[in-house]
Amino acid sequence: MLACPFCVKVRRELKQLGINIPKIDVKKHAEDMTTLVNEGGKFQVPCLRIEYKQQVAWLYESDEIIKYLRELCSNSK
């Protein structure tokens, strides 16, 4: 099975940071793929859906996701 190299990059960073979040394979879950496109605006992975103060944001670029996760971890210390 081939894996998206950008998804692998984000998963490695999640592991390094000790963050455990749900991971969804949109190829295996049609409903989640529909949500990704309808709510996020495009079919692209990796994608991080962020909920904060009743607002939702979607990050798609692996470097931006990693930057967000690192900032989140540094702010929580």
PDB file of N, CA and C in Angstrom:
ATOM      1  N   MET A   1       0.828  -1.180   0.000  1.00  0.00           N
ATOM      2  CA  MET A   1       0.000   0.000   0.000  1.00  0.00           C
ATOM      3  C   MET A   1       0.875   1.246   0.000  1.00  0.00           C
ATOM      4  N   LEU A   2       0.566   2.176  -0.887  1.00  0.00           N
ATOM      5  CA  LEU A   2       1.313   3.419  -0.951  1.00  0.00           C
ATOM      6  C   LEU A   2       0.731   4.411   0.033  1.00  0.00           C
ATOM      7  N   ALA A   3       1.586   5.184   0.618  1.00  0.00           N
ATOM      8  CA  ALA A   3       1.137   6.189   1.585  1.00  0.00           C
ATOM      9  C   ALA A   3       1.535   7.570   1.068  1.00  0.00           C
ATOM     10  N   CYS A   4       0.673   8.522   1.301  1.00  0.00           N
ATOM     11  CA  CYS A   4       0.959   9.906   0.936  1.00  0.00           C
ATOM     12  C   CYS A   4       2.166  10.373   1.753  1.00  0.00           C
ATOM     13  N   PRO A   5       3.237  10.807   1.097  1.00  0.00           N
ATOM     14  CA  PRO A   5       4.434  11.221   1.851  1.00  0.00           C
ATOM     15  C   PRO A   5       4.175  12.417   2.765  1.00  0.00           C
ATOM     16  N   PHE A   6       3.248  13.276   2.390  1.00  0.00           N
ATOM     17  CA  PHE A   6       2.933  14.438   3.222  1.00  0.00           C
ATOM     18  C   PHE A   6       2.147  14.023   4.460  1.00  0.00           C
ATOM     19  N   CYS A   7       1.288  13.011   4.299  1.00  0.00           N
ATOM     20  CA  CYS A   7       0.554  12.467   5.445  1.00  0.00           C
ATOM     21  C   CYS A   7       1.522  11.795   6.414  1.00  0.00           C
ATOM     22  N   VAL A   8       2.471  11.053   5.864  1.00  0.00           N
ATOM     23  CA  VAL A   8       3.484  10.386   6.690  1.00  0.00           C
ATOM     24  C   VAL A   8       4.270  11.426   7.486  1.00  0.00           C
ATOM     25  N   LYS A   9       4.627  12.505   6.831  1.00  0.00           N
ATOM     26  CA  LYS A   9       5.376  13.594   7.486  1.00  0.00           C
ATOM     27  C   LYS A   9       4.599  14.141   8.685  1.00  0.00           C
ATOM     28  N   VAL A  10       3.303  14.380   8.507  1.00  0.00           N
ATOM     29  CA  VAL A  10       2.476  14.909   9.594  1.00  0.00           C
ATOM     30  C   VAL A  10       2.308  13.874  10.702  1.00  0.00           C
ATOM     31  N   ARG A  11       2.079  12.610  10.334  1.00  0.00           N
ATOM     32  CA  ARG A  11       1.925  11.556  11.351  1.00  0.00           C
ATOM     33  C   ARG A  11       3.198  11.401  12.177  1.00  0.00           C
ATOM     34  N   ARG A  12       4.351  11.518  11.546  1.00  0.00           N
ATOM     35  CA  ARG A  12       5.617  11.435  12.293  1.00  0.00           C
ATOM     36  C   ARG A  12       5.738  12.580  13.291  1.00  0.00           C
ATOM     37  N   GLU A  13       5.338  13.757  12.869  1.00  0.00           N
ATOM     38  CA  GLU A  13       5.402  14.915  13.773  1.00  0.00           C
ATOM     39  C   GLU A  13       4.426  14.748  14.935  1.00  0.00           C
ATOM     40  N   LEU A  14       3.232  14.244  14.647  1.00  0.00           N
ATOM     41  CA  LEU A  14       2.269  13.974  15.710  1.00  0.00           C
ATOM     42  C   LEU A  14       2.870  13.032  16.747  1.00  0.00           C
ATOM     43  N   LYS A  15       3.532  11.991  16.264  1.00  0.00           N
ATOM     44  CA  LYS A  15       4.152  11.020  17.169  1.00  0.00           C
ATOM     45  C   LYS A  15       5.261  11.687  17.974  1.00  0.00           C
ATOM     46  N   GLN A  16       6.104  12.477  17.311  1.00  0.00           N
ATOM     47  CA  GLN A  16       7.205  13.178  17.992  1.00  0.00           C
ATOM     48  C   GLN A  16       6.693  14.097  19.096  1.00  0.00           C
ATOM     49  N   LEU A  17       5.579  14.757  18.814  1.00  0.00           N
ATOM     50  CA  LEU A  17       5.010  15.709  19.771  1.00  0.00           C
ATOM     51  C   LEU A  17       4.139  15.032  20.826  1.00  0.00           C
ATOM     52  N   GLY A  18       3.880  13.753  20.640  1.00  0.00           N
ATOM     53  CA  GLY A  18       3.055  13.025  21.600  1.00  0.00           C
ATOM     54  C   GLY A  18       1.580  13.377  21.507  1.00  0.00           C
ATOM     55  N   ILE A  19       1.147  13.759  20.322  1.00  0.00           N
ATOM     56  CA  ILE A  19      -0.250  14.138  20.114  1.00  0.00           C
ATOM     57  C   ILE A  19      -1.002  12.948  19.517  1.00  0.00           C
ATOM     58  N   ASN A  20      -2.102  12.601  20.133  1.00  0.00           N
ATOM     59  CA  ASN A  20      -2.928  11.508  19.635  1.00  0.00           C
ATOM     60  C   ASN A  20      -4.279  12.070  19.204  1.00  0.00           C
ATOM     61  N   ILE A  21      -4.494  12.132  17.903  1.00  0.00           N
ATOM     62  CA  ILE A  21      -5.761  12.617  17.371  1.00  0.00           C
ATOM     63  C   ILE A  21      -6.320  11.567  16.420  1.00  0.00           C
ATOM     64  N   PRO A  22      -7.626  11.596  16.193  1.00  0.00           N
ATOM     65  CA  PRO A  22      -8.206  10.641  15.249  1.00  0.00           C
ATOM     66  C   PRO A  22      -7.641  10.844  13.848  1.00  0.00           C
ATOM     67  N   LYS A  23      -7.355   9.752  13.206  1.00  0.00           N
ATOM     68  CA  LYS A  23      -6.861   9.787  11.831  1.00  0.00           C
ATOM     69  C   LYS A  23      -7.882   9.066  10.958  1.00  0.00           C
ATOM     70  N   ILE A  24      -8.258   9.697   9.862  1.00  0.00           N
ATOM     71  CA  ILE A  24      -9.288   9.150   8.995  1.00  0.00           C
ATOM     72  C   ILE A  24      -8.722   8.967   7.594  1.00  0.00           C
ATOM     73  N   ASP A  25      -8.929   7.778   7.042  1.00  0.00           N
ATOM     74  CA  ASP A  25      -8.544   7.501   5.661  1.00  0.00           C
ATOM     75  C   ASP A  25      -9.765   7.772   4.797  1.00  0.00           C
ATOM     76  N   VAL A  26      -9.782   8.916   4.115  1.00  0.00           N
ATOM     77  CA  VAL A  26     -10.967   9.302   3.351  1.00  0.00           C
ATOM     78  C   VAL A  26     -11.211   8.394   2.153  1.00  0.00           C
ATOM     79  N   LYS A  27     -10.210   7.644   1.731  1.00  0.00           N
ATOM     80  CA  LYS A  27     -10.421   6.680   0.645  1.00  0.00           C
ATOM     81  C   LYS A  27     -11.279   5.516   1.109  1.00  0.00           C
ATOM     82  N   LYS A  28     -11.254   5.242   2.392  1.00  0.00           N
ATOM     83  CA  LYS A  28     -12.024   4.124   2.947  1.00  0.00           C
ATOM     84  C   LYS A  28     -13.352   4.560   3.544  1.00  0.00           C
ATOM     85  N   HIS A  29     -13.555   5.854   3.721  1.00  0.00           N
ATOM     86  CA  HIS A  29     -14.763   6.368   4.366  1.00  0.00           C
ATOM     87  C   HIS A  29     -15.376   7.467   3.500  1.00  0.00           C
ATOM     88  N   ALA A  30     -16.325   7.075   2.664  1.00  0.00           N
ATOM     89  CA  ALA A  30     -16.934   8.006   1.715  1.00  0.00           C
ATOM     90  C   ALA A  30     -17.592   9.199   2.416  1.00  0.00           C
ATOM     91  N   GLU A  31     -18.208   8.959   3.554  1.00  0.00           N
ATOM     92  CA  GLU A  31     -18.876  10.046   4.277  1.00  0.00           C
ATOM     93  C   GLU A  31     -17.861  11.106   4.728  1.00  0.00           C
ATOM     94  N   ASP A  32     -16.703  10.652   5.190  1.00  0.00           N
ATOM     95  CA  ASP A  32     -15.666  11.596   5.618  1.00  0.00           C
ATOM     96  C   ASP A  32     -15.077  12.345   4.428  1.00  0.00           C
ATOM     97  N   MET A  33     -14.981  11.679   3.267  1.00  0.00           N
ATOM     98  CA  MET A  33     -14.495  12.346   2.065  1.00  0.00           C
ATOM     99  C   MET A  33     -15.464  13.461   1.662  1.00  0.00           C
ATOM    100  N   THR A  34     -16.742  13.175   1.756  1.00  0.00           N
ATOM    101  CA  THR A  34     -17.761  14.174   1.436  1.00  0.00           C
ATOM    102  C   THR A  34     -17.659  15.362   2.393  1.00  0.00           C
ATOM    103  N   THR A  35     -17.480  15.094   3.669  1.00  0.00           N
ATOM    104  CA  THR A  35     -17.321  16.164   4.664  1.00  0.00           C
ATOM    105  C   THR A  35     -16.089  17.002   4.355  1.00  0.00           C
ATOM    106  N   LEU A  36     -15.000  16.345   4.027  1.00  0.00           N
ATOM    107  CA  LEU A  36     -13.758  17.048   3.705  1.00  0.00           C
ATOM    108  C   LEU A  36     -13.982  18.031   2.564  1.00  0.00           C
ATOM    109  N   VAL A  37     -14.643  17.583   1.515  1.00  0.00           N
ATOM    110  CA  VAL A  37     -14.867  18.441   0.353  1.00  0.00           C
ATOM    111  C   VAL A  37     -15.920  19.509   0.633  1.00  0.00           C
ATOM    112  N   ASN A  38     -17.040  19.105   1.215  1.00  0.00           N
ATOM    113  CA  ASN A  38     -18.143  20.051   1.430  1.00  0.00           C
ATOM    114  C   ASN A  38     -17.829  21.104   2.487  1.00  0.00           C
ATOM    115  N   GLU A  39     -17.198  20.712   3.567  1.00  0.00           N
ATOM    116  CA  GLU A  39     -16.923  21.660   4.643  1.00  0.00           C
ATOM    117  C   GLU A  39     -15.556  22.314   4.512  1.00  0.00           C
ATOM    118  N   GLY A  40     -14.571  21.546   4.075  1.00  0.00           N
ATOM    119  CA  GLY A  40     -13.221  22.084   3.956  1.00  0.00           C
ATOM    120  C   GLY A  40     -12.973  22.812   2.653  1.00  0.00           C
ATOM    121  N   GLY A  41     -13.727  22.441   1.630  1.00  0.00           N
ATOM    122  CA  GLY A  41     -13.610  23.159   0.372  1.00  0.00           C
ATOM    123  C   GLY A  41     -12.803  22.480  -0.714  1.00  0.00           C
ATOM    124  N   LYS A  42     -12.078  21.424  -0.362  1.00  0.00           N
ATOM    125  CA  LYS A  42     -11.308  20.729  -1.399  1.00  0.00           C
ATOM    126  C   LYS A  42     -10.944  19.329  -0.945  1.00  0.00           C
ATOM    127  N   PHE A  43     -10.610  18.506  -1.930  1.00  0.00           N
ATOM    128  CA  PHE A  43     -10.167  17.150  -1.639  1.00  0.00           C
ATOM    129  C   PHE A  43      -8.650  17.146  -1.670  1.00  0.00           C
ATOM    130  N   GLN A  44      -8.078  17.269  -0.489  1.00  0.00           N
ATOM    131  CA  GLN A  44      -6.620  17.273  -0.356  1.00  0.00           C
ATOM    132  C   GLN A  44      -6.273  16.742   1.017  1.00  0.00           C
ATOM    133  N   VAL A  45      -5.277  15.897   1.059  1.00  0.00           N
ATOM    134  CA  VAL A  45      -4.754  15.384   2.320  1.00  0.00           C
ATOM    135  C   VAL A  45      -3.257  15.618   2.334  1.00  0.00           C
ATOM    136  N   PRO A  46      -2.676  15.757   3.514  1.00  0.00           N
ATOM    137  CA  PRO A  46      -3.309  15.726   4.814  1.00  0.00           C
ATOM    138  C   PRO A  46      -4.144  16.978   5.038  1.00  0.00           C
ATOM    139  N   CYS A  47      -5.045  16.841   5.953  1.00  0.00           N
ATOM    140  CA  CYS A  47      -5.915  17.951   6.335  1.00  0.00           C
ATOM    141  C   CYS A  47      -6.131  17.879   7.842  1.00  0.00           C
ATOM    142  N   LEU A  48      -6.055  19.017   8.471  1.00  0.00           N
ATOM    143  CA  LEU A  48      -6.324  19.106   9.904  1.00  0.00           C
ATOM    144  C   LEU A  48      -7.527  20.016  10.099  1.00  0.00           C
ATOM    145  N   ARG A  49      -8.576  19.467  10.696  1.00  0.00           N
ATOM    146  CA  ARG A  49      -9.789  20.238  11.006  1.00  0.00           C
ATOM    147  C   ARG A  49      -9.638  20.738  12.433  1.00  0.00           C
ATOM    148  N   ILE A  50      -9.707  22.052  12.598  1.00  0.00           N
ATOM    149  CA  ILE A  50      -9.494  22.675  13.898  1.00  0.00           C
ATOM    150  C   ILE A  50     -10.793  23.326  14.356  1.00  0.00           C
ATOM    151  N   GLU A  51     -11.256  22.950  15.525  1.00  0.00           N
ATOM    152  CA  GLU A  51     -12.434  23.574  16.126  1.00  0.00           C
ATOM    153  C   GLU A  51     -11.969  24.417  17.310  1.00  0.00           C
ATOM    154  N   TYR A  52     -12.394  25.687  17.316  1.00  0.00           N
ATOM    155  CA  TYR A  52     -12.017  26.587  18.398  1.00  0.00           C
ATOM    156  C   TYR A  52     -13.088  27.661  18.544  1.00  0.00           C
ATOM    157  N   LYS A  53     -13.647  27.764  19.726  1.00  0.00           N
ATOM    158  CA  LYS A  53     -14.668  28.764  20.035  1.00  0.00           C
ATOM    159  C   LYS A  53     -15.785  28.778  18.994  1.00  0.00           C
ATOM    160  N   GLN A  54     -16.339  27.619  18.742  1.00  0.00           N
ATOM    161  CA  GLN A  54     -17.467  27.431  17.831  1.00  0.00           C
ATOM    162  C   GLN A  54     -17.152  27.813  16.390  1.00  0.00           C
ATOM    163  N   GLN A  55     -15.873  27.850  16.029  1.00  0.00           N
ATOM    164  CA  GLN A  55     -15.468  28.104  14.657  1.00  0.00           C
ATOM    165  C   GLN A  55     -14.629  26.931  14.181  1.00  0.00           C
ATOM    166  N   VAL A  56     -14.650  26.702  12.885  1.00  0.00           N
ATOM    167  CA  VAL A  56     -13.896  25.598  12.304  1.00  0.00           C
ATOM    168  C   VAL A  56     -12.959  26.153  11.242  1.00  0.00           C
ATOM    169  N   ALA A  57     -11.716  25.698  11.281  1.00  0.00           N
ATOM    170  CA  ALA A  57     -10.724  26.051  10.266  1.00  0.00           C
ATOM    171  C   ALA A  57     -10.127  24.760   9.724  1.00  0.00           C
ATOM    172  N   TRP A  58      -9.663  24.800   8.497  1.00  0.00           N
ATOM    173  CA  TRP A  58      -9.081  23.629   7.853  1.00  0.00           C
ATOM    174  C   TRP A  58      -7.676  23.975   7.372  1.00  0.00           C
ATOM    175  N   LEU A  59      -6.703  23.179   7.774  1.00  0.00           N
ATOM    176  CA  LEU A  59      -5.322  23.338   7.291  1.00  0.00           C
ATOM    177  C   LEU A  59      -5.015  22.174   6.357  1.00  0.00           C
ATOM    178  N   TYR A  60      -4.416  22.474   5.217  1.00  0.00           N
ATOM    179  CA  TYR A  60      -4.150  21.432   4.226  1.00  0.00           C
ATOM    180  C   TYR A  60      -2.669  21.169   3.961  1.00  0.00           C
ATOM    181  N   GLU A  61      -1.851  22.137   4.087  1.00  0.00           N
ATOM    182  CA  GLU A  61      -0.431  21.941   3.764  1.00  0.00           C
ATOM    183  C   GLU A  61       0.302  21.317   4.947  1.00  0.00           C
ATOM    184  N   SER A  62       1.076  20.282   4.681  1.00  0.00           N
ATOM    185  CA  SER A  62       1.749  19.555   5.766  1.00  0.00           C
ATOM    186  C   SER A  62       2.631  20.479   6.605  1.00  0.00           C
ATOM    187  N   ASP A  63       3.360  21.382   5.970  1.00  0.00           N
ATOM    188  CA  ASP A  63       4.221  22.293   6.734  1.00  0.00           C
ATOM    189  C   ASP A  63       3.401  23.227   7.621  1.00  0.00           C
ATOM    190  N   GLU A  64       2.255  23.678   7.140  1.00  0.00           N
ATOM    191  CA  GLU A  64       1.386  24.536   7.941  1.00  0.00           C
ATOM    192  C   GLU A  64       0.764  23.765   9.103  1.00  0.00           C
ATOM    193  N   ILE A  65       0.397  22.508   8.854  1.00  0.00           N
ATOM    194  CA  ILE A  65      -0.146  21.661   9.918  1.00  0.00           C
ATOM    195  C   ILE A  65       0.903  21.455  10.999  1.00  0.00           C
ATOM    196  N   ILE A  66       2.114  21.137  10.601  1.00  0.00           N
ATOM    197  CA  ILE A  66       3.196  20.912  11.558  1.00  0.00           C
ATOM    198  C   ILE A  66       3.505  22.180  12.337  1.00  0.00           C
ATOM    199  N   LYS A  67       3.533  23.312  11.663  1.00  0.00           N
ATOM    200  CA  LYS A  67       3.777  24.595  12.341  1.00  0.00           C
ATOM    201  C   LYS A  67       2.693  24.842  13.394  1.00  0.00           C
ATOM    202  N   TYR A  68       1.442  24.619  13.035  1.00  0.00           N
ATOM    203  CA  TYR A  68       0.329  24.802  13.968  1.00  0.00           C
ATOM    204  C   TYR A  68       0.473  23.879  15.173  1.00  0.00           C
ATOM    205  N   LEU A  69       0.786  22.609  14.930  1.00  0.00           N
ATOM    206  CA  LEU A  69       0.918  21.641  16.017  1.00  0.00           C
ATOM    207  C   LEU A  69       2.061  22.002  16.961  1.00  0.00           C
ATOM    208  N   ARG A  70       3.171  22.442  16.404  1.00  0.00           N
ATOM    209  CA  ARG A  70       4.311  22.848  17.242  1.00  0.00           C
ATOM    210  C   ARG A  70       3.958  24.058  18.094  1.00  0.00           C
ATOM    211  N   GLU A  71       3.280  25.029  17.498  1.00  0.00           N
ATOM    212  CA  GLU A  71       2.866  26.215  18.251  1.00  0.00           C
ATOM    213  C   GLU A  71       1.871  25.825  19.353  1.00  0.00           C
ATOM    214  N   LEU A  72       0.965  24.946  19.032  1.00  0.00           N
ATOM    215  CA  LEU A  72      -0.013  24.486  20.006  1.00  0.00           C
ATOM    216  C   LEU A  72       0.692  23.836  21.204  1.00  0.00           C
ATOM    217  N   CYS A  73       1.682  23.012  20.927  1.00  0.00           N
ATOM    218  CA  CYS A  73       2.420  22.336  21.998  1.00  0.00           C
ATOM    219  C   CYS A  73       3.263  23.325  22.804  1.00  0.00           C
ATOM    220  N   SER A  74       3.878  24.283  22.149  1.00  0.00           N
ATOM    221  CA  SER A  74       4.723  25.247  22.874  1.00  0.00           C
ATOM    222  C   SER A  74       3.871  26.191  23.725  1.00  0.00           C
ATOM    223  N   ASN A  75       2.657  26.482  23.266  1.00  0.00           N
ATOM    224  CA  ASN A  75       1.762  27.357  24.042  1.00  0.00           C
ATOM    225  C   ASN A  75       1.120  26.646  25.217  1.00  0.00           C
ATOM    226  N   SER A  76       1.098  25.336  25.191  1.00  0.00           N
ATOM    227  CA  SER A  76       0.446  24.589  26.273  1.00  0.00           C
ATOM    228  C   SER A  76       1.406  24.289  27.428  1.00  0.00           C
ATOM    229  N   LYS A  77       2.660  24.706  27.282  1.00  0.00           N
ATOM    230  CA  LYS A  77       3.643  24.432  28.347  1.00  0.00           C
ATOM    231  C   LYS A  77       3.637  25.526  29.371  1.00  0.00           C
TER     232      LYS A  77
END
